[in-house]
Protein backbone atom coordinates (compact mmCIF):
# COMPACT_ATOMS: atom_id res chain seq x y z
CA MET A 1 -10.22 12.07 2.80
CA LYS A 2 -8.65 15.42 2.60
CA ILE A 3 -5.30 16.70 0.93
CA ARG A 4 -3.29 19.48 2.56
CA PHE A 5 -0.39 21.23 1.08
CA TRP A 6 2.52 22.28 3.09
CA GLY A 7 4.86 22.95 0.13
CA ALA A 8 4.17 22.62 -3.62
CA ARG A 9 7.45 23.98 -5.25
CA GLY A 10 9.98 22.01 -6.92
CA SER A 11 13.75 21.91 -7.15
CA LEU A 12 14.55 24.51 -4.36
CA PRO A 13 12.58 26.84 -1.92
CA THR A 14 11.29 30.04 -3.72
CA PRO A 15 10.54 32.96 -1.18
CA LEU A 16 8.39 35.91 -2.29
CA THR A 17 11.04 38.49 -3.02
CA PRO A 18 10.41 42.19 -1.79
CA ALA A 19 10.39 43.15 -5.61
CA LYS A 20 7.68 40.65 -6.25
CA LEU A 21 5.77 41.73 -3.23
CA ARG A 22 5.98 45.48 -4.17
CA SER A 23 4.95 44.68 -7.70
CA LYS A 24 1.90 42.84 -6.34
CA ILE A 25 0.85 45.73 -4.11
CA SER A 26 1.59 48.23 -6.95
CA SER A 27 -0.83 46.29 -9.16
CA ILE A 28 -3.64 46.03 -6.69
CA VAL A 29 -3.35 49.82 -5.84
CA GLN A 30 -3.63 50.68 -9.75
CA ARG A 31 -6.97 48.80 -9.69
CA ILE A 32 -8.73 50.61 -6.73
CA THR A 33 -11.27 53.21 -7.36
CA PRO A 34 -12.93 55.66 -5.14
CA ALA A 35 -16.23 53.42 -5.00
CA ASP A 36 -14.16 50.37 -3.67
CA LEU A 37 -13.12 52.42 -0.70
CA GLU A 38 -16.75 53.69 0.20
CA SER A 39 -17.45 50.93 3.03
CA GLN A 40 -16.22 47.75 4.45
CA GLU A 41 -18.45 45.72 2.07
CA SER A 42 -17.17 47.64 -1.22
CA ARG A 43 -13.42 46.90 0.14
CA GLU A 44 -14.40 43.22 0.47
CA ILE A 45 -15.93 42.95 -2.81
CA PHE A 46 -12.79 44.58 -4.40
CA LEU A 47 -10.49 41.98 -2.65
CA ALA A 48 -12.75 39.06 -3.61
CA ARG A 49 -12.41 40.28 -7.44
CA LEU A 50 -8.83 40.39 -7.49
CA PRO A 51 -7.13 37.49 -9.56
CA ASP A 52 -5.51 34.89 -7.50
CA TYR A 53 -2.09 35.74 -8.61
CA LEU A 54 -2.24 39.16 -6.84
CA PHE A 55 -4.21 38.23 -3.65
CA SER A 56 -2.63 34.92 -3.04
CA THR A 57 0.41 32.92 -3.54
CA VAL A 58 1.36 29.32 -4.39
CA GLY A 59 3.99 29.57 -1.70
CA GLY A 60 7.61 28.93 -1.61
CA ASN A 61 8.30 25.81 0.42
CA THR A 62 9.28 22.53 -1.40
CA ALA A 63 7.30 19.30 -1.54
CA CYS A 64 5.34 18.24 1.44
CA VAL A 65 1.77 16.81 1.29
CA GLU A 66 -0.39 15.64 4.11
CA VAL A 67 -3.46 13.28 3.48
CA ILE A 68 -5.92 13.50 6.27
CA THR A 69 -8.10 10.31 6.78
CA SER A 70 -10.19 8.96 9.45
CA GLU A 71 -7.28 7.25 11.15
CA PRO A 72 -5.80 9.00 14.24
CA CYS A 73 -2.52 9.63 12.60
CA ARG A 74 -1.03 11.82 10.12
CA LEU A 75 0.10 10.34 6.59
CA VAL A 76 2.63 12.72 5.12
CA PHE A 77 4.30 12.52 1.66
CA ASP A 78 7.80 14.11 1.41
CA ALA A 79 9.63 16.24 3.82
CA GLY A 80 10.55 19.25 1.66
CA THR A 81 10.74 22.54 3.56
CA GLY A 82 7.01 22.61 3.94
CA ILE A 83 7.39 19.84 6.65
CA ARG A 84 8.71 22.39 9.00
CA ASN A 85 5.43 24.34 9.18
CA LEU A 86 3.44 21.06 9.64
CA GLY A 87 5.73 20.32 12.54
CA ASN A 88 5.11 23.57 13.83
CA GLU A 89 1.21 22.89 13.94
CA ILE A 90 1.73 19.59 15.60
CA THR A 91 4.03 20.88 18.21
CA ALA A 92 1.26 23.60 19.08
CA GLN A 93 -1.19 20.89 19.81
CA ARG A 94 1.02 19.80 22.78
CA LYS A 95 0.06 16.13 22.59
CA PRO A 96 1.69 12.99 21.32
CA ALA A 97 1.80 12.60 17.43
CA ASP A 98 1.65 9.46 15.29
CA VAL A 99 3.21 10.21 11.89
CA HIS A 100 3.72 7.95 8.73
CA LEU A 101 6.13 9.71 6.49
CA PHE A 102 6.45 8.52 2.98
CA PHE A 103 9.47 9.53 0.70
CA SER A 104 9.14 9.55 -3.00
CA HIS A 105 12.99 9.95 -3.54
CA PHE A 106 15.87 11.73 -1.92
CA HIS A 107 16.65 14.87 -3.93
CA TRP A 108 17.24 17.86 -1.65
CA ASP A 109 13.83 19.30 -2.36
CA HIS A 110 12.26 16.36 -0.77
CA ILE A 111 14.22 15.98 2.40
CA GLN A 112 15.82 19.39 3.34
CA GLY A 113 12.94 20.00 5.72
CA PHE A 114 13.46 16.86 7.58
CA PRO A 115 16.09 17.91 10.17
CA PHE A 116 13.68 20.77 11.04
CA PHE A 117 10.56 18.53 11.80
CA GLY A 118 10.00 19.56 15.32
CA PRO A 119 7.95 16.45 16.39
CA ALA A 120 10.87 14.09 15.49
CA PHE A 121 12.68 15.53 18.66
CA ASP A 122 9.78 14.87 20.88
CA PRO A 123 10.04 11.55 22.70
CA ARG A 124 6.39 11.36 22.57
CA THR A 125 6.07 11.10 18.98
CA ARG A 126 5.86 7.79 17.00
CA LEU A 127 7.76 8.38 13.60
CA ARG A 128 7.35 5.75 11.09
CA MET A 129 9.29 6.43 7.66
CA TYR A 130 8.66 4.59 4.49
CA SER A 131 10.55 4.12 1.19
CA PRO A 132 11.29 1.10 -1.23
CA ASP A 133 14.95 2.13 -1.05
CA PRO A 134 16.61 -0.06 1.53
CA ARG A 135 19.15 2.95 2.37
CA LEU A 136 16.48 4.96 3.84
CA ARG A 137 17.97 5.48 7.37
CA GLU A 138 21.48 5.88 5.77
CA ILE A 139 20.33 8.74 3.37
CA LEU A 140 18.49 10.52 6.11
CA GLU A 141 21.42 10.25 8.40
CA GLY A 142 23.91 11.23 5.82
CA GLN A 143 22.26 14.83 5.31
CA MET A 144 22.51 15.41 9.18
CA LYS A 145 26.17 14.69 9.64
CA ALA A 146 29.08 17.14 9.90
CA PRO A 147 29.57 19.49 7.78
CA TYR A 148 26.07 19.65 6.56
CA PHE A 149 24.15 19.75 9.95
CA PRO A 150 25.07 20.11 13.50
CA VAL A 151 22.38 17.71 14.83
CA GLY A 152 22.29 14.12 14.13
CA LEU A 153 19.64 11.73 13.43
CA ASP A 154 20.17 9.91 16.79
CA ASP A 155 19.48 13.23 18.47
CA MET A 156 15.88 13.09 17.28
CA ALA A 157 14.17 11.73 20.35
CA ALA A 158 11.10 10.29 18.56
CA ALA A 159 10.34 6.54 18.57
CA LYS A 160 11.55 6.11 15.07
CA GLU A 161 11.03 3.10 12.48
CA PHE A 162 12.55 2.87 8.98
CA ILE A 163 10.36 0.68 6.85
CA ARG A 164 11.26 -0.90 3.54
CA LEU A 165 8.19 -0.90 1.31
CA ASP A 166 7.78 -4.22 -0.76
CA GLY A 167 4.13 -4.20 -1.87
CA ARG A 168 1.23 -2.30 -0.10
CA VAL A 169 1.08 -1.08 3.41
CA ASP A 170 -2.26 -0.96 5.48
CA ILE A 171 -2.55 1.85 8.13
CA GLY A 172 -5.74 0.96 9.75
CA GLY A 173 -8.52 1.39 7.07
CA VAL A 174 -6.00 3.14 4.60
CA ARG A 175 -4.11 1.33 1.87
CA VAL A 176 -1.00 2.81 0.53
CA MET A 177 0.63 1.33 -2.68
CA HIS A 178 3.78 2.69 -4.66
CA ARG A 179 4.99 2.49 -8.11
CA ALA A 180 8.20 3.38 -9.93
CA MET A 181 7.99 6.62 -12.16
CA SER A 182 10.63 7.97 -14.67
CA HIS A 183 12.91 10.31 -12.78
CA PRO A 184 16.74 10.54 -12.73
CA GLY A 185 17.79 8.63 -10.00
CA GLY A 186 14.45 6.79 -9.53
CA CYS A 187 11.15 8.26 -7.80
CA TYR A 188 7.98 6.56 -6.44
CA SER A 189 4.51 7.68 -6.73
CA TYR A 190 2.13 6.64 -3.97
CA ALA A 191 -1.75 5.63 -4.28
CA ILE A 192 -3.86 6.21 -1.15
CA GLU A 193 -7.18 4.45 -0.83
CA GLU A 194 -9.73 4.80 1.94
CA ALA A 195 -13.50 4.20 2.01
CA GLY A 196 -13.78 3.89 -1.90
CA LYS A 197 -11.69 6.96 -2.63
CA LYS A 198 -8.20 7.14 -4.30
CA ALA A 199 -5.80 9.85 -4.39
CA ILE A 200 -2.30 9.57 -6.11
CA TYR A 201 0.74 11.47 -5.26
CA SER A 202 3.10 11.56 -8.16
CA THR A 203 5.79 14.15 -7.98
CA ASP A 204 8.90 14.19 -10.08
CA THR A 205 7.44 12.37 -12.78
CA GLU A 206 8.52 12.46 -16.44
CA LEU A 207 5.55 10.82 -18.15
CA ASP A 208 6.30 8.44 -21.02
CA PRO A 209 4.39 5.99 -23.11
CA LYS A 210 4.57 3.16 -20.77
CA ASP A 211 2.57 5.11 -18.03
CA PHE A 212 -0.23 5.22 -20.77
CA ASN A 213 -0.08 1.46 -21.51
CA ARG A 214 -3.38 -0.43 -20.93
CA THR A 215 -1.57 -3.01 -18.74
CA PRO A 216 -3.39 -4.62 -15.65
CA GLU A 217 -1.03 -2.76 -13.33
CA ASN A 218 -1.67 0.54 -14.73
CA GLU A 219 -5.39 0.15 -14.96
CA SER A 220 -5.43 -0.98 -11.23
CA TYR A 221 -3.13 1.80 -9.97
CA PHE A 222 -4.30 4.81 -12.24
CA ARG A 223 -7.80 4.44 -13.59
CA GLY A 224 -10.56 6.40 -12.14
CA ALA A 225 -8.56 7.92 -9.25
CA ASP A 226 -10.34 10.67 -7.44
CA ALA A 227 -7.30 13.07 -7.34
CA LEU A 228 -3.92 12.97 -9.06
CA ILE A 229 -1.23 15.20 -7.67
CA ILE A 230 1.30 15.26 -10.29
CA ASP A 231 4.49 17.09 -11.55
CA ALA A 232 3.44 19.77 -14.01
CA GLN A 233 6.58 21.84 -13.70
CA TYR A 234 7.02 22.72 -17.40
CA THR A 235 5.13 23.99 -20.42
CA LEU A 236 5.25 21.66 -23.46
CA GLY A 237 8.21 23.48 -25.05
CA GLU A 238 10.33 23.30 -21.95
CA ALA A 239 9.43 19.75 -21.47
CA ILE A 240 10.81 19.21 -25.13
CA GLU A 241 13.93 20.96 -24.32
CA LYS A 242 14.22 19.30 -21.22
CA GLN A 243 13.82 15.81 -22.02
CA TYR A 244 15.16 13.29 -19.34
CA TRP A 245 15.28 15.99 -16.77
CA GLY A 246 12.51 14.04 -15.00
CA HIS A 247 9.49 16.43 -15.13
CA SER A 248 6.28 16.75 -17.14
CA SER A 249 4.51 19.50 -18.88
CA PHE A 250 1.05 20.53 -17.75
CA SER A 251 -0.36 19.42 -21.14
CA LEU A 252 0.94 15.89 -20.88
CA ALA A 253 -0.21 15.76 -17.29
CA ALA A 254 -3.78 16.70 -18.60
CA ASP A 255 -3.40 14.00 -21.49
CA PHE A 256 -2.68 11.49 -18.62
CA ALA A 257 -5.60 12.52 -16.38
CA ALA A 258 -7.89 12.27 -19.32
CA SER A 259 -6.41 8.95 -20.45
CA TRP A 260 -7.17 7.24 -17.06
CA ASN A 261 -10.46 9.13 -16.33
CA ILE A 262 -9.04 10.89 -13.44
CA LYS A 263 -11.62 13.04 -11.65
CA ARG A 264 -9.30 15.85 -10.45
CA LEU A 265 -5.97 16.82 -11.62
CA VAL A 266 -3.89 18.83 -9.26
CA LEU A 267 -0.87 20.58 -10.65
CA PHE A 268 2.22 20.37 -8.39
CA HIS A 269 5.96 20.73 -8.21
CA HIS A 270 5.88 24.30 -9.61
CA GLU A 271 9.01 25.64 -11.62
CA PRO A 272 11.07 27.83 -9.11
CA ALA A 273 11.64 30.42 -11.74
CA TYR A 274 7.89 31.01 -12.23
CA GLY A 275 5.88 33.60 -10.23
CA ASP A 276 2.20 33.54 -9.18
CA GLN A 277 1.01 35.09 -12.46
CA LYS A 278 2.93 32.55 -14.68
CA ILE A 279 1.79 29.69 -12.66
CA GLY A 280 -1.89 30.96 -12.65
CA SER A 281 -1.57 31.05 -16.51
CA ILE A 282 -0.43 27.55 -16.63
CA LEU A 283 -3.54 26.52 -14.50
CA LYS A 284 -5.91 28.37 -17.07
CA SER A 285 -4.01 26.85 -20.02
CA ALA A 286 -4.48 23.32 -18.57
CA SER A 287 -8.13 23.90 -17.93
CA TRP A 288 -8.73 25.03 -21.54
CA TYR A 289 -6.64 22.38 -22.93
CA LEU A 290 -8.75 19.58 -21.26
CA LYS A 291 -11.94 21.11 -22.20
CA HIS A 292 -10.87 20.94 -25.91
CA ILE A 293 -9.38 17.16 -25.68
CA GLU A 294 -12.11 15.37 -23.68
CA ASP A 295 -15.61 15.91 -22.15
CA HIS A 296 -15.27 14.03 -18.95
CA GLY A 297 -15.43 17.29 -16.96
CA ILE A 298 -11.94 16.71 -15.23
CA GLU A 299 -11.43 19.58 -12.77
CA VAL A 300 -8.16 21.23 -12.73
CA VAL A 301 -6.78 22.80 -9.53
CA LEU A 302 -3.50 24.33 -8.63
CA ALA A 303 -1.55 23.00 -5.44
CA ARG A 304 -0.99 26.02 -3.05
CA GLU A 305 0.53 26.07 0.15
CA GLY A 306 -1.89 25.98 3.04
CA VAL A 307 -4.85 24.88 0.75
CA GLU A 308 -6.91 21.81 1.53
CA ILE A 309 -8.68 19.84 -1.03
CA ASP A 310 -11.57 17.33 -0.32
CA VAL A 311 -11.47 13.98 -1.93
């Protein structure tokens, strides 16, 4: 199982501005010495030593995560603006596509890429969409009506199915389960299991004490997951200030991962006001925090656009 990130931002798209790009370039130029320019090898070494916040970016697209399994289909979670680039990749392959698209909830940053998902307009595509919400079709159709969008849902020529989730769903050898999480208006996390491996996608989650309770349901759903992709939008101070806004701090996400013996913690749904350096500092802080509260060796990684993680 692999996890591929097409969008990792929360709340709204966050393009890299010209000012921020100039700042990155300026910081890189200031670090260069004559020795760094002597050869191709020295230049490559210089670039490799640059901090991630200078040489890469978490990206500006909103939530869209693909889980790649052994099944000959695509499992996709949420349709933020990142799904447009996923669609471009599928279209470039010039062959029929089988897509299973799961929605956590319907805030704009999780559906606003859907009208731009190219394969949905290809009659060769089979597009199955899932949500526990019975209004799934109605909601997606609503954002594609005038005056919001010039092309309607019925113009999407793919063979479409709208599936209301009630319990688990099996897609070949892959099992997908869902669980309601705390978020204004509601939100669902998804647990994906294949061949003894489990990944959990839990965006827009404000963790609370019930998520830590040792109930049979929690034990079965969370314990020992190989990867947990979770909302870590805030610092602890911000999370206290913004209680009931529906998001978690990186430290609470770390506590949660340690509590359930999660093997890998993936920080996701990044704050739109934060640049790459700030988000990078949150990753370092989360790693430091976990080392001081537990000794299970939980790996902490940052969700970045275009990155693949092996589970």
